[in-house]
Structure formats: C-alpha cells, structure tokens
C-alpha cells in the first residue's frame, strides 16, 4: 500500500511534508523548515512522527529539528557528509543507504550540487521521491557549494528514475522557473501549456507540486540538455551535455 503524503507550506515558500505508512503507523517528516506549520499538519492528520529525513544542512530545512526531537523523541537521519551541520542528527546515510518507514523501503540517493552533501530520498514501492533543493519543478537548485558538473551528475541520477515517479521538492519556485524555462526552450509546446497551467494555479494560491519525472523530462530545461531545440537556441549544438547544463544554470542565475 503506498504511503500517504501531507504537503503544506512553511516559512514563505518552503514545502513541509509528512509521509505516513498506514500499516505500521509510522510517520516521517521530510526536512523541518518551521515548527508551527509542522505541528499543525501533525494535529490535522493525527500522525505522530517517528523520524525526520534531512536532505541538507541549510537553516530553512533544519530549523525545527531540535524542537521536534524534544517534543516527539524522534530520530533524525541525514547525510553523512553534512553531519556536523545538522542539529540533533542521530543516524547518517549516503549513496545506497536504506531507511525503513514501517515496511516502506526508502533509498538514499546522493545528489550534491546545491550543497556538497545533499541527499534525496526515493520510495520505489510508492513511486515517490523527495528531492528538496536538487530538482525543482521546472528548475534545479542554485550551486552554492559545488561546480556545475557535480549538479549535472546528480540530476542525471534523478532523471533515470521511472517516469511515473512523483517528485516533491523543497520550495514553491515553479512560477519563476516556468518564466525562465520558456526563454531557454521557446519552441516547446508542452512547456507553454504547463507554464499557463502554473500561472493559473499560483493565481489561485494553489501548489504546483507534486510533479513527475516524466513531466520534468518533457518540460524542465535543466533535464533537457540533450534537446536539439534548446541546443540550437543556445548556439551550443556541438557542446557536451554538461556544458549545456552549465550554460542554462548560468542564465538562470542572471535571470
């Protein structure tokens, strides 16, 4: 039976997420951006959290770690490479690690780029991945601690997941990402349709997530480095895939 997911807003544009395994009754929190909205979601669902799955060390993803740990006596899991920067961490993980939520198998994928130790969490049985600030809907995270080739390799890992995989990201950045994406991939009719849909959703203050790997492969320029139309538009027909990605990321930084 697939996990149940409760998504909600934290801070100004962070997503909070609860993941519940109904058979065991266990619940995971994906990152801890802000205590009050997380507590409200726990009260709303009636799910008592047993662990926090931390993706990376940035304050807007770990701010509520210690308060939630004290309140619920839960355990905090996070990337080995960033353990010194993650408050309250109990267990470290890396590429190939497996975390259990009841009977649900959660696979760890190392996805550095935004930070040097960033990880994503993939639930193959439920066909869900939590990519935080690596892969966004129509975007990818800023490269604060790594060079473009590192993020490129991380995105390749995520792009290889099954197309039906639902993707939950760390922020509601989709509208800005859509407005940039059409400047890089102007000839993509699927992107134009999606951009219009996103404009409507945000006008109604509705979330744009989850997305899917399949939808991102067809519309997210940060996963479409191989596309002939994008390459022609950028004047990079003979460049490597990694070079095309780096150019797109550079343009987004200056957008």
Protein backbone atom coordinates (compact mmCIF):
# COMPACT_ATOMS: atom_id res chain seq x y z
CA UNK A 1 0.00 0.00 0.00
CA UNK A 2 1.50 3.37 -0.99
CA UNK A 3 2.40 5.83 1.72
CA UNK A 4 0.10 8.75 2.48
CA UNK A 5 1.57 12.21 1.99
CA UNK A 6 0.58 15.52 3.55
CA UNK A 7 2.19 18.56 1.90
CA UNK A 8 1.91 22.07 3.32
CA UNK A 9 3.64 25.44 3.29
CA UNK A 10 6.29 26.62 5.77
CA UNK A 11 8.08 29.95 6.09
CA UNK A 12 7.42 31.95 2.91
CA UNK A 13 7.97 29.37 0.17
CA UNK A 14 9.24 26.13 1.75
CA UNK A 15 7.22 22.95 1.47
CA UNK A 16 6.77 20.80 4.55
CA UNK A 17 5.92 17.13 4.08
CA UNK A 18 4.67 14.30 6.29
CA UNK A 19 4.96 10.74 4.97
CA UNK A 20 2.78 8.14 6.67
CA UNK A 21 2.91 4.35 6.49
CA UNK A 22 -0.63 3.41 7.48
CA UNK A 23 0.13 -0.26 8.17
CA UNK A 24 2.77 0.44 10.83
CA UNK A 25 1.51 3.87 11.86
CA UNK A 26 5.00 5.32 11.42
CA UNK A 27 5.43 8.84 10.04
CA UNK A 28 8.47 10.67 8.64
CA UNK A 29 8.95 14.40 8.32
CA UNK A 30 10.91 15.43 5.21
CA UNK A 31 13.09 18.28 6.47
CA UNK A 32 11.96 20.62 9.25
CA UNK A 33 11.69 24.18 7.95
CA UNK A 34 9.43 25.61 10.67
CA UNK A 35 7.88 24.12 13.79
CA UNK A 36 4.37 25.65 13.87
CA UNK A 37 3.15 24.51 10.41
CA UNK A 38 4.60 21.04 11.02
CA UNK A 39 2.77 20.79 14.34
CA UNK A 40 -0.43 21.94 12.65
CA UNK A 41 -0.05 19.23 10.00
CA UNK A 42 0.57 16.61 12.68
CA UNK A 43 -2.59 17.69 14.51
CA UNK A 44 -4.60 17.79 11.28
CA UNK A 45 -3.59 14.28 10.22
CA UNK A 46 -3.29 12.64 13.62
CA UNK A 47 0.06 11.16 12.54
CA UNK A 48 2.75 11.05 15.23
CA UNK A 49 6.21 11.46 13.67
CA UNK A 50 8.92 8.91 14.36
CA UNK A 51 11.77 10.39 12.33
CA UNK A 52 12.99 13.36 10.34
CA UNK A 53 14.65 12.71 7.00
CA UNK A 54 17.02 15.63 6.42
CA UNK A 55 18.17 16.38 2.88
CA UNK A 56 20.80 19.05 3.57
CA UNK A 57 22.07 21.44 6.21
CA UNK A 58 20.59 24.79 5.20
CA UNK A 59 18.76 26.53 8.04
CA UNK A 60 15.43 26.63 6.22
CA UNK A 61 15.46 22.82 6.18
CA UNK A 62 16.67 22.07 9.73
CA UNK A 63 15.39 24.96 11.83
CA UNK A 64 12.81 22.88 13.73
CA UNK A 65 14.95 19.75 14.20
CA UNK A 66 15.72 20.18 17.89
CA UNK A 67 12.26 21.37 18.91
CA UNK A 68 10.57 18.44 17.16
CA UNK A 69 13.10 15.97 18.54
CA UNK A 70 12.46 17.16 22.07
CA UNK A 71 8.69 17.08 21.64
CA UNK A 72 8.33 13.69 19.91
CA UNK A 73 11.56 11.85 20.86
CA UNK A 74 12.01 11.07 17.18
CA UNK A 75 15.27 10.21 15.43
CA UNK A 76 16.93 12.44 12.88
CA UNK A 77 18.51 10.98 9.76
CA UNK A 78 20.72 13.00 7.43
CA UNK A 79 23.69 12.96 5.05
CA UNK A 80 27.00 11.72 6.43
CA UNK A 81 28.83 14.47 4.54
CA UNK A 82 26.93 17.19 6.45
CA UNK A 83 26.51 15.58 9.88
CA UNK A 84 28.45 18.33 11.67
CA UNK A 85 25.95 20.92 10.38
CA UNK A 86 22.65 19.12 11.07
CA UNK A 87 21.16 19.77 14.53
CA UNK A 88 20.27 16.67 16.53
CA UNK A 89 21.34 14.14 13.93
CA UNK A 90 21.24 10.52 15.12
CA UNK A 91 21.92 8.47 12.00
CA UNK A 92 23.89 9.26 8.86
CA UNK A 93 23.26 8.00 5.34
CA UNK A 94 24.88 8.11 1.92
CA UNK A 95 24.51 6.69 -1.58
CA UNK A 96 22.85 3.28 -1.39
CA UNK A 97 21.75 3.57 2.24
CA UNK A 98 18.26 2.32 3.08
CA UNK A 99 15.94 3.74 5.75
CA UNK A 100 12.78 1.92 6.81
CA UNK A 101 9.42 3.53 7.47
CA UNK A 102 7.40 0.56 8.64
CA UNK A 103 7.56 -1.80 5.68
CA UNK A 104 8.38 1.01 3.26
CA UNK A 105 11.91 0.97 1.86
CA UNK A 106 13.43 4.44 1.49
CA UNK A 107 16.53 4.53 -0.70
CA UNK A 108 19.08 7.31 -0.34
CA UNK A 109 20.47 8.96 -3.48
CA UNK A 110 23.42 11.30 -3.08
CA UNK A 111 22.56 14.45 -5.06
CA UNK A 112 25.24 17.07 -4.33
CA UNK A 113 25.24 20.39 -6.13
CA UNK A 114 23.13 22.80 -4.12
CA UNK A 115 25.22 21.70 -1.13
CA UNK A 116 28.14 19.31 -1.14
CA UNK A 117 26.35 16.61 0.83
CA UNK A 118 22.73 16.95 -0.31
CA UNK A 119 20.74 13.69 -0.50
CA UNK A 120 17.36 12.78 -1.94
CA UNK A 121 15.00 10.08 -0.66
CA UNK A 122 13.33 7.61 -3.05
CA UNK A 123 10.47 5.25 -2.18
CA UNK A 124 10.32 2.75 -5.05
CA UNK A 125 7.23 0.87 -3.84
CA UNK A 126 5.21 4.08 -3.55
CA UNK A 127 6.85 5.64 -6.63
CA UNK A 128 7.76 8.86 -4.83
CA UNK A 129 10.98 10.86 -4.45
CA UNK A 130 11.80 13.81 -2.22
CA UNK A 131 14.43 15.91 -3.99
CA UNK A 132 14.43 19.05 -1.81
CA UNK A 133 16.73 21.66 -3.40
CA UNK A 134 18.33 19.48 -6.08
CA UNK A 135 15.47 19.06 -8.55
CA UNK A 136 12.63 21.57 -8.58
CA UNK A 137 9.55 21.64 -10.76
CA UNK A 138 10.94 23.23 -13.94
CA UNK A 139 14.23 24.03 -12.20
CA UNK A 140 17.17 22.95 -10.09
CA UNK A 141 18.85 24.37 -7.02
CA UNK A 142 21.47 27.09 -7.02
CA UNK A 143 25.03 25.81 -6.88
CA UNK A 144 26.21 27.15 -3.53
CA UNK A 145 28.88 24.57 -2.76
CA UNK A 146 29.63 22.69 -5.99
CA UNK A 147 30.51 23.27 -9.63
CA UNK A 148 28.01 22.63 -12.46
CA UNK A 149 29.35 19.16 -13.41
CA UNK A 150 28.52 17.91 -9.90
CA UNK A 151 24.88 19.01 -10.12
CA UNK A 152 24.67 17.67 -13.66
CA UNK A 153 25.62 14.18 -12.43
CA UNK A 154 23.10 14.43 -9.59
CA UNK A 155 20.31 15.41 -11.96
CA UNK A 156 21.22 12.51 -14.24
CA UNK A 157 20.57 10.13 -11.33
CA UNK A 158 17.14 11.62 -10.71
CA UNK A 159 16.29 11.74 -14.42
CA UNK A 160 16.89 7.97 -14.55
CA UNK A 161 14.09 7.25 -12.06
CA UNK A 162 10.87 5.79 -13.52
CA UNK A 163 8.85 8.40 -15.43
CA UNK A 164 5.80 7.96 -13.17
CA UNK A 165 7.80 8.81 -10.02
CA UNK A 166 6.09 11.64 -8.14
CA UNK A 167 8.53 14.40 -7.19
CA UNK A 168 8.18 16.55 -4.09
CA UNK A 169 10.61 19.49 -3.92
CA UNK A 170 11.70 21.85 -1.19
CA UNK A 171 10.24 25.14 -2.44
CA UNK A 172 7.38 26.70 -4.38
CA UNK A 173 9.59 28.20 -7.08
CA UNK A 174 7.68 26.84 -10.07
CA UNK A 175 6.20 30.08 -11.40
CA UNK A 176 9.59 31.82 -11.58
CA UNK A 177 11.11 28.66 -13.01
CA UNK A 178 8.44 28.49 -15.72
CA UNK A 179 9.02 32.09 -16.73
CA UNK A 180 12.72 31.34 -17.14
CA UNK A 181 12.22 27.97 -18.85
CA UNK A 182 10.33 29.45 -21.79
CA UNK A 183 13.30 31.74 -22.52
CA UNK A 184 15.55 28.69 -22.96
CA UNK A 185 13.08 26.32 -24.63
CA UNK A 186 10.71 28.65 -26.51
CA UNK A 187 9.69 26.08 -29.12
CA UNK A 188 8.36 23.51 -26.64
CA UNK A 189 4.52 23.37 -26.80
CA UNK A 190 4.31 21.15 -23.70
CA UNK A 191 6.26 23.74 -21.73
CA UNK A 192 3.97 26.55 -22.92
CA UNK A 193 0.91 24.57 -21.84
CA UNK A 194 2.45 23.79 -18.47
CA UNK A 195 3.52 27.41 -17.91
CA UNK A 196 -0.06 28.58 -18.49
CA UNK A 197 -1.36 25.98 -16.05
CA UNK A 198 1.18 27.09 -13.43
CA UNK A 199 0.20 30.74 -13.85
CA UNK A 200 -3.42 29.76 -13.14
CA UNK A 201 -2.55 27.61 -10.12
CA UNK A 202 -0.47 30.32 -8.49
CA UNK A 203 -3.10 32.97 -9.24
CA UNK A 204 -5.43 30.82 -7.11
CA UNK A 205 -2.68 30.32 -4.50
CA UNK A 206 -2.63 26.58 -5.21
CA UNK A 207 0.55 24.46 -5.02
CA UNK A 208 2.28 23.31 -8.20
CA UNK A 209 3.59 20.10 -6.64
CA UNK A 210 3.92 17.21 -6.89
CA UNK A 211 5.30 16.87 -10.37
CA UNK A 212 6.65 13.71 -12.00
CA UNK A 213 9.93 12.70 -13.57
CA UNK A 214 8.13 12.26 -16.88
CA UNK A 215 6.73 15.78 -16.78
CA UNK A 216 10.14 17.21 -15.89
CA UNK A 217 11.86 15.31 -18.71
CA UNK A 218 9.46 16.86 -21.20
CA UNK A 219 9.49 20.45 -19.88
CA UNK A 220 12.32 21.16 -17.41
CA UNK A 221 15.29 22.68 -19.30
CA UNK A 222 17.68 21.54 -16.56
CA UNK A 223 16.97 17.93 -17.59
CA UNK A 224 16.84 18.65 -21.34
CA UNK A 225 20.49 19.38 -22.06
CA UNK A 226 20.34 16.92 -24.98
CA UNK A 227 17.38 18.59 -26.73
CA UNK A 228 18.25 19.84 -30.25
CA UNK A 229 15.91 22.83 -29.99
CA UNK A 230 17.48 24.04 -26.76
CA UNK A 231 20.97 23.48 -28.11
CA UNK A 232 20.19 25.44 -31.26
CA UNK A 233 18.60 28.27 -29.28
CA UNK A 234 21.72 28.50 -27.10
CA UNK A 235 24.09 28.18 -30.06
CA UNK A 236 25.61 25.07 -28.44
CA UNK A 237 24.83 22.33 -30.97
CA UNK A 238 28.26 20.70 -30.54
CA UNK A 239 28.72 21.25 -26.79
CA UNK A 240 28.69 18.43 -24.26
CA UNK A 241 25.56 17.80 -22.22
CA UNK A 242 27.34 19.05 -19.10
CA UNK A 243 28.32 22.28 -20.88
CA UNK A 244 24.74 22.89 -21.98
CA UNK A 245 23.53 22.34 -18.42
CA UNK A 246 26.14 24.78 -17.08
CA UNK A 247 25.04 27.46 -19.55
CA UNK A 248 21.38 27.05 -18.59
CA UNK A 249 22.27 27.28 -14.89
CA UNK A 250 24.34 30.41 -15.55
CA UNK A 251 21.46 32.03 -17.41
CA UNK A 252 19.04 31.22 -14.58
CA UNK A 253 21.42 32.80 -12.05
CA UNK A 254 21.29 36.01 -14.06
CA UNK A 255 17.60 35.88 -14.97
